[in-house]
Amino acid sequence: MSDGRHVVLGDIDGPHHLWLRDTPPGQPLAYVIVRDPAIEARRRAAWRLDRRLAGAPPSRRNGAFRPTAFQRRRLDLLLDILDMLLTPPSAPRPTSHEIARRLIYPGMTIGRGMEWKSSTERRRTQRLINEALALMHGGYRALLRGVVGGRQKSAA
């Protein structure tokens, strides 16, 4: 017994990932949307697919997360941090000083010891490491829902 077909349809606004269950020929298809925290993103995706199948032109108003150039650079940096942190078990885990020197502040002249421990560079590096780990442990789901994380400045 087959579980159906998994299909990816290309689209200018982004691919549609579908699971087509085995149905008798000539029967209408139905959308099944999982009710979870991402339900709104799933509804928008189904709506976008339905529009495209009906021949409508692409629509940029679907609420999908489209990061700015700054956000893309930051997300790339967070992924680089995770790549560095998730070393093989046989290799030693990099220190925050190594991460800062190699990824965040390539020209950094701050040495180890008290100078590093009291530096703003160390605090920023630790915040980025924590943010990268939070994304890995489920925070990426907010990005899929179109919610941009990070601190927001308040209008005072």
Protein backbone atom coordinates (compact mmCIF):
# COMPACT_ATOMS: atom_id res chain seq x y z
CA MET A 1 0.00 0.00 0.00
CA SER A 2 1.42 3.35 -1.03
CA ASP A 3 1.29 6.43 1.19
CA GLY A 4 0.85 8.61 -1.89
CA ARG A 5 3.27 10.90 -3.66
CA HIS A 6 5.36 13.74 -2.31
CA VAL A 7 5.61 16.52 -4.87
CA VAL A 8 7.35 19.89 -5.01
CA LEU A 9 5.78 22.38 -7.41
CA GLY A 10 8.01 25.28 -8.37
CA ASP A 11 6.52 28.77 -8.16
CA ILE A 12 7.98 32.25 -8.49
CA ASP A 13 6.80 33.04 -4.93
CA GLY A 14 8.34 29.87 -3.52
CA PRO A 15 7.85 26.14 -3.90
CA HIS A 16 4.71 24.27 -2.87
CA HIS A 17 5.44 21.03 -0.97
CA LEU A 18 2.53 18.61 -1.34
CA TRP A 19 1.66 15.15 -0.17
CA LEU A 20 -0.86 13.67 -2.57
CA ARG A 21 -2.52 10.69 -0.96
CA ASP A 22 -3.78 7.88 -3.10
CA THR A 23 -7.34 8.69 -4.15
CA PRO A 24 -9.61 7.13 -6.73
CA PRO A 25 -9.39 8.85 -10.14
CA GLY A 26 -11.94 11.56 -10.74
CA GLN A 27 -12.43 12.32 -7.03
CA PRO A 28 -12.00 15.89 -5.81
CA LEU A 29 -8.91 16.65 -3.76
CA ALA A 30 -9.02 18.16 -0.29
CA TYR A 31 -6.57 20.25 1.70
CA VAL A 32 -5.71 18.90 5.13
CA ILE A 33 -4.28 21.58 7.39
CA VAL A 34 -2.70 20.56 10.68
CA ARG A 35 -3.98 22.59 13.63
CA ASP A 36 -0.78 23.62 15.40
CA PRO A 37 1.01 26.92 16.13
CA ALA A 38 1.82 27.25 12.40
CA ILE A 39 -1.82 26.99 11.29
CA GLU A 40 -1.94 30.52 9.85
CA ALA A 41 1.17 29.90 7.74
CA ARG A 42 -0.36 26.63 6.54
CA ARG A 43 -3.65 28.37 5.65
CA ARG A 44 -1.78 31.04 3.68
CA ALA A 45 0.19 28.34 1.86
CA ALA A 46 -3.01 26.46 0.94
CA TRP A 47 -4.63 29.73 -0.20
CA ARG A 48 -1.56 30.59 -2.31
CA LEU A 49 -1.56 27.12 -3.91
CA ASP A 50 -5.29 27.29 -4.60
CA ARG A 51 -4.92 30.70 -6.27
CA ARG A 52 -2.04 29.49 -8.43
CA LEU A 53 -3.89 26.31 -9.47
CA ALA A 54 -6.80 28.53 -10.54
CA GLY A 55 -4.43 30.52 -12.76
CA ALA A 56 -4.05 33.65 -10.63
CA PRO A 57 -0.79 35.60 -10.92
CA PRO A 58 1.80 35.41 -8.12
CA SER A 59 1.00 37.44 -5.01
CA ARG A 60 3.57 38.99 -2.73
CA ARG A 61 0.96 39.65 -0.03
CA ASN A 62 1.04 36.21 1.58
CA GLY A 63 2.73 37.24 4.83
CA ALA A 64 5.76 35.02 4.30
CA PHE A 65 8.99 36.02 5.98
CA ARG A 66 11.24 37.75 3.49
CA PRO A 67 14.32 38.84 5.42
CA THR A 68 16.04 42.10 4.65
CA ALA A 69 19.71 42.07 3.63
CA PHE A 70 20.66 42.79 7.26
CA GLN A 71 18.46 39.96 8.56
CA ARG A 72 19.92 37.54 5.98
CA ARG A 73 23.48 38.42 7.08
CA ARG A 74 22.50 37.97 10.75
CA LEU A 75 20.81 34.61 10.07
CA ASP A 76 23.86 33.51 8.07
CA LEU A 77 26.06 34.49 11.03
CA LEU A 78 23.84 32.51 13.43
CA LEU A 79 24.08 29.45 11.17
CA ASP A 80 27.87 29.85 11.00
CA ILE A 81 27.97 30.00 14.81
CA LEU A 82 25.92 26.79 15.02
CA ASP A 83 28.19 25.10 12.49
CA MET A 84 31.16 26.00 14.64
CA LEU A 85 29.47 24.95 17.91
CA LEU A 86 28.21 21.62 16.62
CA THR A 87 31.60 20.01 16.21
CA PRO A 88 32.06 16.25 16.15
CA PRO A 89 32.10 14.72 19.63
CA SER A 90 35.81 13.92 19.27
CA ALA A 91 36.75 17.58 18.69
CA PRO A 92 36.89 20.15 21.50
CA ARG A 93 34.02 22.64 21.60
CA PRO A 94 35.15 26.12 20.52
CA THR A 95 35.25 28.86 23.13
CA SER A 96 33.28 32.08 22.79
CA HIS A 97 36.64 33.84 22.24
CA GLU A 98 37.37 31.57 19.24
CA ILE A 99 33.88 32.14 17.82
CA ALA A 100 34.27 35.91 18.20
CA ARG A 101 37.74 35.92 16.64
CA ARG A 102 36.80 33.71 13.68
CA LEU A 103 33.24 34.80 12.89
CA ILE A 104 32.08 38.00 14.56
CA TYR A 105 35.24 40.13 14.98
CA PRO A 106 37.81 38.75 12.50
CA GLY A 107 40.29 41.57 13.24
CA MET A 108 39.82 41.40 17.00
CA THR A 109 42.86 42.26 19.10
CA ILE A 110 41.31 41.58 22.50
CA GLY A 111 43.27 38.89 24.27
CA ARG A 112 42.07 36.29 26.71
CA GLY A 113 41.65 36.76 30.42
CA MET A 114 40.16 39.74 32.22
CA GLU A 115 40.23 42.00 29.16
CA TRP A 116 38.05 39.53 27.23
CA LYS A 117 35.77 38.67 30.17
CA SER A 118 34.85 42.33 30.73
CA SER A 119 34.51 43.30 27.06
CA THR A 120 31.35 44.29 25.21
CA GLU A 121 32.51 41.98 22.40
CA ARG A 122 32.25 38.99 24.76
CA ARG A 123 28.73 39.96 25.84
CA ARG A 124 27.59 40.41 22.22
CA THR A 125 29.21 37.11 21.23
CA GLN A 126 27.40 35.30 24.05
CA ARG A 127 24.07 36.87 23.04
CA LEU A 128 24.60 35.68 19.44
CA ILE A 129 25.53 32.18 20.63
CA ASN A 130 22.38 32.05 22.78
CA GLU A 131 20.25 33.32 19.88
CA ALA A 132 21.72 30.69 17.53
CA LEU A 133 21.02 27.91 20.02
CA ALA A 134 17.48 29.20 20.60
CA LEU A 135 16.83 29.11 16.83
CA MET A 136 18.13 25.56 16.70
CA HIS A 137 15.89 24.46 19.58
CA GLY A 138 12.65 25.52 17.91
CA GLY A 139 12.95 29.26 17.39
CA TYR A 140 13.20 28.71 13.64
CA ARG A 141 9.49 27.86 13.68
CA ALA A 142 8.71 31.53 14.38
CA LEU A 143 10.58 32.41 11.18
CA LEU A 144 8.41 29.96 9.26
CA ARG A 145 5.34 31.72 10.64
CA GLY A 146 6.74 35.09 9.51
CA VAL A 147 7.59 36.32 13.00
CA VAL A 148 10.90 38.14 13.15
CA GLY A 149 12.69 37.73 16.46
CA GLY A 150 15.23 39.93 18.13
CA ARG A 151 15.02 42.93 20.36
CA GLN A 152 12.85 45.80 19.25
CA LYS A 153 13.59 49.37 20.18
CA SER A 154 10.70 51.03 21.92
CA ALA A 155 9.57 54.51 20.98
CA ALA A 156 10.13 56.62 24.05
